[in-house]
């Protein structure tokens, strides 16, 4: 039986989202489709699958991403879906552990990539929002809600980036301790 659950996660809470998806799999609900704040599950044996999320360098339709996804599929890992550059992978648990990053250094590089992604989104929203607000002021227009929304999104991205930067700093410190 298929079930749809609507749930929203911030971009910087990708690890929380992944944990939740694996908790659902542990309860016997396997992710089969994703959309914006929408997750579709199918009944399975509890713990039968492991889910991983990954931010790709390019969109999933890009040739480089297609090669990577094909490589993953050749190793028994299935792409469940994608949202923008985020790809959702699934692997049968009986086939062994499923980790996308084998060491802390690669996890640290990956976290840096996510921070850059969120920062770029924030800067873009800030420029668009400021531009809309300035245009509204210059033309004596009423409050430009779209500009305000963009500025709020920019602040939201800044908060997320700062949270991930703290996590990055903690991971880097741990990595240095074990060297």
C-alpha atoms as a PDB file:
ATOM      1  CA  UNK A   1       0.000   0.000   0.000  1.00  0.00           C
ATOM      2  CA  UNK A   2       1.255   3.503  -0.804  1.00  0.00           C
ATOM      3  CA  UNK A   3       1.164   6.411   1.640  1.00  0.00           C
ATOM      4  CA  UNK A   4       1.923  10.065   1.094  1.00  0.00           C
ATOM      5  CA  UNK A   5       3.303  12.153   3.939  1.00  0.00           C
ATOM      6  CA  UNK A   6       3.799  15.903   3.690  1.00  0.00           C
ATOM      7  CA  UNK A   7       6.714  17.161   5.756  1.00  0.00           C
ATOM      8  CA  UNK A   8       9.062  20.096   5.357  1.00  0.00           C
ATOM      9  CA  UNK A   9      12.797  20.155   6.108  1.00  0.00           C
ATOM     10  CA  UNK A  10      15.186  23.066   5.793  1.00  0.00           C
ATOM     11  CA  UNK A  11      18.024  22.573   3.323  1.00  0.00           C
ATOM     12  CA  UNK A  12      20.562  22.599   6.156  1.00  0.00           C
ATOM     13  CA  UNK A  13      18.650  19.841   7.970  1.00  0.00           C
ATOM     14  CA  UNK A  14      19.469  17.287   5.271  1.00  0.00           C
ATOM     15  CA  UNK A  15      20.872  14.922   7.917  1.00  0.00           C
ATOM     16  CA  UNK A  16      17.655  15.201   9.958  1.00  0.00           C
ATOM     17  CA  UNK A  17      15.626  14.463   6.808  1.00  0.00           C
ATOM     18  CA  UNK A  18      17.797  11.436   6.035  1.00  0.00           C
ATOM     19  CA  UNK A  19      17.423  10.170   9.615  1.00  0.00           C
ATOM     20  CA  UNK A  20      13.627  10.525   9.401  1.00  0.00           C
ATOM     21  CA  UNK A  21      13.506   8.658   6.075  1.00  0.00           C
ATOM     22  CA  UNK A  22      15.547   5.808   7.576  1.00  0.00           C
ATOM     23  CA  UNK A  23      13.284   5.748  10.651  1.00  0.00           C
ATOM     24  CA  UNK A  24      10.326   5.380   8.279  1.00  0.00           C
ATOM     25  CA  UNK A  25      12.133   2.496   6.537  1.00  0.00           C
ATOM     26  CA  UNK A  26      12.800   0.907   9.945  1.00  0.00           C
ATOM     27  CA  UNK A  27       9.026   1.042  10.541  1.00  0.00           C
ATOM     28  CA  UNK A  28       8.372  -0.711   7.225  1.00  0.00           C
ATOM     29  CA  UNK A  29       7.788   2.280   4.938  1.00  0.00           C
ATOM     30  CA  UNK A  30      10.160   2.504   1.979  1.00  0.00           C
ATOM     31  CA  UNK A  31      10.546   5.811   0.132  1.00  0.00           C
ATOM     32  CA  UNK A  32       9.486   5.429  -3.513  1.00  0.00           C
ATOM     33  CA  UNK A  33       8.964   9.030  -4.631  1.00  0.00           C
ATOM     34  CA  UNK A  34       9.787  12.567  -3.480  1.00  0.00           C
ATOM     35  CA  UNK A  35       8.479  16.029  -4.231  1.00  0.00           C
ATOM     36  CA  UNK A  36       8.638  19.417  -2.555  1.00  0.00           C
ATOM     37  CA  UNK A  37       7.612  18.654   1.067  1.00  0.00           C
ATOM     38  CA  UNK A  38       6.035  15.410  -0.222  1.00  0.00           C
ATOM     39  CA  UNK A  39       7.192  11.871   0.424  1.00  0.00           C
ATOM     40  CA  UNK A  40       5.560   8.769  -0.986  1.00  0.00           C
ATOM     41  CA  UNK A  41       6.152   5.469   0.786  1.00  0.00           C
ATOM     42  CA  UNK A  42       5.373   1.851   0.061  1.00  0.00           C
ATOM     43  CA  UNK A  43       5.084  -0.954   2.594  1.00  0.00           C
ATOM     44  CA  UNK A  44       8.225  -3.055   3.031  1.00  0.00           C
ATOM     45  CA  UNK A  45       9.809  -5.224   5.674  1.00  0.00           C
ATOM     46  CA  UNK A  46      11.031  -3.114   8.600  1.00  0.00           C
ATOM     47  CA  UNK A  47      14.649  -2.081   8.014  1.00  0.00           C
ATOM     48  CA  UNK A  48      14.704  -3.531   4.505  1.00  0.00           C
ATOM     49  CA  UNK A  49      16.149  -0.369   2.937  1.00  0.00           C
ATOM     50  CA  UNK A  50      18.614   2.397   3.737  1.00  0.00           C
ATOM     51  CA  UNK A  51      18.116   5.887   2.311  1.00  0.00           C
ATOM     52  CA  UNK A  52      20.814   8.488   1.615  1.00  0.00           C
ATOM     53  CA  UNK A  53      20.571  12.054   0.321  1.00  0.00           C
ATOM     54  CA  UNK A  54      23.231  13.735  -1.726  1.00  0.00           C
ATOM     55  CA  UNK A  55      23.683  17.209  -3.152  1.00  0.00           C
ATOM     56  CA  UNK A  56      25.160  16.795  -6.632  1.00  0.00           C
ATOM     57  CA  UNK A  57      27.479  19.288  -8.315  1.00  0.00           C
ATOM     58  CA  UNK A  58      24.919  19.650 -11.112  1.00  0.00           C
ATOM     59  CA  UNK A  59      21.243  18.843 -11.595  1.00  0.00           C
ATOM     60  CA  UNK A  60      20.359  15.146 -11.977  1.00  0.00           C
ATOM     61  CA  UNK A  61      19.808  15.529 -15.742  1.00  0.00           C
ATOM     62  CA  UNK A  62      23.339  16.887 -16.316  1.00  0.00           C
ATOM     63  CA  UNK A  63      25.602  14.384 -18.167  1.00  0.00           C
ATOM     64  CA  UNK A  64      28.112  14.207 -15.269  1.00  0.00           C
ATOM     65  CA  UNK A  65      25.306  13.568 -12.795  1.00  0.00           C
ATOM     66  CA  UNK A  66      23.792  10.962 -15.112  1.00  0.00           C
ATOM     67  CA  UNK A  67      27.123   9.103 -15.191  1.00  0.00           C
ATOM     68  CA  UNK A  68      27.325   9.200 -11.397  1.00  0.00           C
ATOM     69  CA  UNK A  69      23.724   8.009 -10.954  1.00  0.00           C
ATOM     70  CA  UNK A  70      24.332   5.208 -13.488  1.00  0.00           C
ATOM     71  CA  UNK A  71      27.457   4.203 -11.535  1.00  0.00           C
ATOM     72  CA  UNK A  72      25.417   4.116  -8.335  1.00  0.00           C
ATOM     73  CA  UNK A  73      22.724   1.990  -9.997  1.00  0.00           C
ATOM     74  CA  UNK A  74      25.399  -0.451 -11.213  1.00  0.00           C
ATOM     75  CA  UNK A  75      26.395  -0.968  -7.567  1.00  0.00           C
ATOM     76  CA  UNK A  76      22.840  -1.837  -6.507  1.00  0.00           C
ATOM     77  CA  UNK A  77      21.826   1.641  -5.366  1.00  0.00           C
ATOM     78  CA  UNK A  78      18.592   3.010  -6.795  1.00  0.00           C
ATOM     79  CA  UNK A  79      17.735   6.675  -7.322  1.00  0.00           C
ATOM     80  CA  UNK A  80      14.327   7.226  -5.722  1.00  0.00           C
ATOM     81  CA  UNK A  81      13.930  10.828  -6.834  1.00  0.00           C
ATOM     82  CA  UNK A  82      15.415  14.291  -6.923  1.00  0.00           C
ATOM     83  CA  UNK A  83      14.582  17.852  -5.949  1.00  0.00           C
ATOM     84  CA  UNK A  84      16.760  20.429  -7.680  1.00  0.00           C
ATOM     85  CA  UNK A  85      20.322  19.123  -7.120  1.00  0.00           C
ATOM     86  CA  UNK A  86      19.350  16.876  -4.175  1.00  0.00           C
ATOM     87  CA  UNK A  87      19.147  13.198  -5.074  1.00  0.00           C
ATOM     88  CA  UNK A  88      17.544  10.498  -2.920  1.00  0.00           C
ATOM     89  CA  UNK A  89      19.176   7.064  -3.083  1.00  0.00           C
ATOM     90  CA  UNK A  90      17.951   3.742  -1.726  1.00  0.00           C
ATOM     91  CA  UNK A  91      19.755   0.469  -1.161  1.00  0.00           C
ATOM     92  CA  UNK A  92      18.579  -2.860   0.201  1.00  0.00           C
ATOM     93  CA  UNK A  93      20.022  -3.241   3.712  1.00  0.00           C
ATOM     94  CA  UNK A  94      20.755  -6.951   3.165  1.00  0.00           C
ATOM     95  CA  UNK A  95      23.427  -5.901   0.630  1.00  0.00           C
ATOM     96  CA  UNK A  96      25.536  -4.350   3.373  1.00  0.00           C
ATOM     97  CA  UNK A  97      26.210  -0.907   4.800  1.00  0.00           C
ATOM     98  CA  UNK A  98      25.371   2.094   2.665  1.00  0.00           C
ATOM     99  CA  UNK A  99      27.486   5.225   3.145  1.00  0.00           C
ATOM    100  CA  UNK A 100      28.141   7.813   0.462  1.00  0.00           C
ATOM    101  CA  UNK A 101      31.268   9.168   2.139  1.00  0.00           C
ATOM    102  CA  UNK A 102      33.876   6.787   3.480  1.00  0.00           C
ATOM    103  CA  UNK A 103      35.870   9.152   5.699  1.00  0.00           C
ATOM    104  CA  UNK A 104      35.566  12.355   7.688  1.00  0.00           C
ATOM    105  CA  UNK A 105      37.640  14.389   5.218  1.00  0.00           C
ATOM    106  CA  UNK A 106      35.179  13.635   2.390  1.00  0.00           C
ATOM    107  CA  UNK A 107      32.246  14.388   4.713  1.00  0.00           C
ATOM    108  CA  UNK A 108      33.864  17.726   5.522  1.00  0.00           C
ATOM    109  CA  UNK A 109      34.286  18.566   1.816  1.00  0.00           C
ATOM    110  CA  UNK A 110      30.656  17.595   1.209  1.00  0.00           C
ATOM    111  CA  UNK A 111      29.480  19.830   4.055  1.00  0.00           C
ATOM    112  CA  UNK A 112      31.487  22.705   2.539  1.00  0.00           C
ATOM    113  CA  UNK A 113      29.692  22.111  -0.761  1.00  0.00           C
ATOM    114  CA  UNK A 114      26.300  22.334   0.951  1.00  0.00           C
ATOM    115  CA  UNK A 115      27.305  25.526   2.777  1.00  0.00           C
ATOM    116  CA  UNK A 116      28.327  27.110  -0.543  1.00  0.00           C
ATOM    117  CA  UNK A 117      25.022  26.024  -2.113  1.00  0.00           C
ATOM    118  CA  UNK A 118      22.976  27.612   0.685  1.00  0.00           C
ATOM    119  CA  UNK A 119      25.123  30.754   0.713  1.00  0.00           C
ATOM    120  CA  UNK A 120      24.633  31.236  -3.042  1.00  0.00           C
ATOM    121  CA  UNK A 121      20.867  30.831  -2.606  1.00  0.00           C
ATOM    122  CA  UNK A 122      20.958  33.391   0.195  1.00  0.00           C
ATOM    123  CA  UNK A 123      22.979  35.936  -1.766  1.00  0.00           C
ATOM    124  CA  UNK A 124      20.720  35.538  -4.810  1.00  0.00           C
ATOM    125  CA  UNK A 125      17.622  36.112  -2.659  1.00  0.00           C
ATOM    126  CA  UNK A 126      19.239  39.110  -0.995  1.00  0.00           C
ATOM    127  CA  UNK A 127      20.040  40.782  -4.334  1.00  0.00           C
ATOM    128  CA  UNK A 128      16.610  40.048  -5.811  1.00  0.00           C
ATOM    129  CA  UNK A 129      14.871  41.232  -2.633  1.00  0.00           C
ATOM    130  CA  UNK A 130      16.932  44.414  -2.340  1.00  0.00           C
ATOM    131  CA  UNK A 131      16.375  45.145  -6.029  1.00  0.00           C
ATOM    132  CA  UNK A 132      12.600  44.743  -5.652  1.00  0.00           C
ATOM    133  CA  UNK A 133      12.489  46.933  -2.559  1.00  0.00           C
ATOM    134  CA  UNK A 134      14.609  49.663  -4.181  1.00  0.00           C
ATOM    135  CA  UNK A 135      12.436  49.608  -7.308  1.00  0.00           C
ATOM    136  CA  UNK A 136       9.310  49.937  -5.170  1.00  0.00           C
ATOM    137  CA  UNK A 137      10.803  52.895  -3.265  1.00  0.00           C
ATOM    138  CA  UNK A 138      12.028  54.559  -6.469  1.00  0.00           C
ATOM    139  CA  UNK A 139       8.564  54.339  -8.045  1.00  0.00           C
ATOM    140  CA  UNK A 140       6.654  55.321  -4.880  1.00  0.00           C
ATOM    141  CA  UNK A 141       4.926  51.934  -5.021  1.00  0.00           C
ATOM    142  CA  UNK A 142       3.325  50.325  -2.011  1.00  0.00           C
ATOM    143  CA  UNK A 143       5.318  47.758  -0.074  1.00  0.00           C
ATOM    144  CA  UNK A 144       6.813  45.140  -2.344  1.00  0.00           C
ATOM    145  CA  UNK A 145       5.969  41.840  -0.662  1.00  0.00           C
ATOM    146  CA  UNK A 146       8.022  39.781  -3.087  1.00  0.00           C
ATOM    147  CA  UNK A 147      11.119  41.793  -2.171  1.00  0.00           C
ATOM    148  CA  UNK A 148      10.402  41.337   1.520  1.00  0.00           C
ATOM    149  CA  UNK A 149       9.949  37.583   1.036  1.00  0.00           C
ATOM    150  CA  UNK A 150      13.298  37.383  -0.793  1.00  0.00           C
ATOM    151  CA  UNK A 151      15.040  39.252   2.014  1.00  0.00           C
ATOM    152  CA  UNK A 152      13.483  36.936   4.627  1.00  0.00           C
ATOM    153  CA  UNK A 153      14.641  33.929   2.573  1.00  0.00           C
ATOM    154  CA  UNK A 154      18.141  35.433   2.433  1.00  0.00           C
ATOM    155  CA  UNK A 155      18.168  35.754   6.242  1.00  0.00           C
ATOM    156  CA  UNK A 156      16.846  32.199   6.545  1.00  0.00           C
ATOM    157  CA  UNK A 157      19.719  30.970   4.328  1.00  0.00           C
ATOM    158  CA  UNK A 158      22.197  32.980   6.416  1.00  0.00           C
ATOM    159  CA  UNK A 159      20.937  31.283   9.594  1.00  0.00           C
ATOM    160  CA  UNK A 160      21.236  27.867   7.930  1.00  0.00           C
ATOM    161  CA  UNK A 161      24.730  28.629   6.661  1.00  0.00           C
ATOM    162  CA  UNK A 162      25.831  29.700  10.139  1.00  0.00           C
ATOM    163  CA  UNK A 163      24.443  26.495  11.652  1.00  0.00           C
ATOM    164  CA  UNK A 164      26.291  24.396   9.099  1.00  0.00           C
ATOM    165  CA  UNK A 165      29.466  26.437   9.580  1.00  0.00           C
ATOM    166  CA  UNK A 166      29.340  25.579  13.307  1.00  0.00           C
ATOM    167  CA  UNK A 167      28.921  21.909  12.403  1.00  0.00           C
ATOM    168  CA  UNK A 168      31.785  22.205   9.898  1.00  0.00           C
ATOM    169  CA  UNK A 169      34.042  23.767  12.524  1.00  0.00           C
ATOM    170  CA  UNK A 170      33.179  20.999  15.008  1.00  0.00           C
ATOM    171  CA  UNK A 171      33.870  18.280  12.426  1.00  0.00           C
ATOM    172  CA  UNK A 172      37.154  19.919  11.435  1.00  0.00           C
ATOM    173  CA  UNK A 173      38.246  20.070  15.065  1.00  0.00           C
ATOM    174  CA  UNK A 174      37.358  16.374  15.534  1.00  0.00           C
ATOM    175  CA  UNK A 175      39.267  15.496  12.375  1.00  0.00           C
ATOM    176  CA  UNK A 176      42.359  17.313  13.644  1.00  0.00           C
ATOM    177  CA  UNK A 177      42.099  15.484  16.993  1.00  0.00           C
ATOM    178  CA  UNK A 178      42.249  12.105  15.288  1.00  0.00           C
ATOM    179  CA  UNK A 179      45.156  12.933  12.963  1.00  0.00           C
END
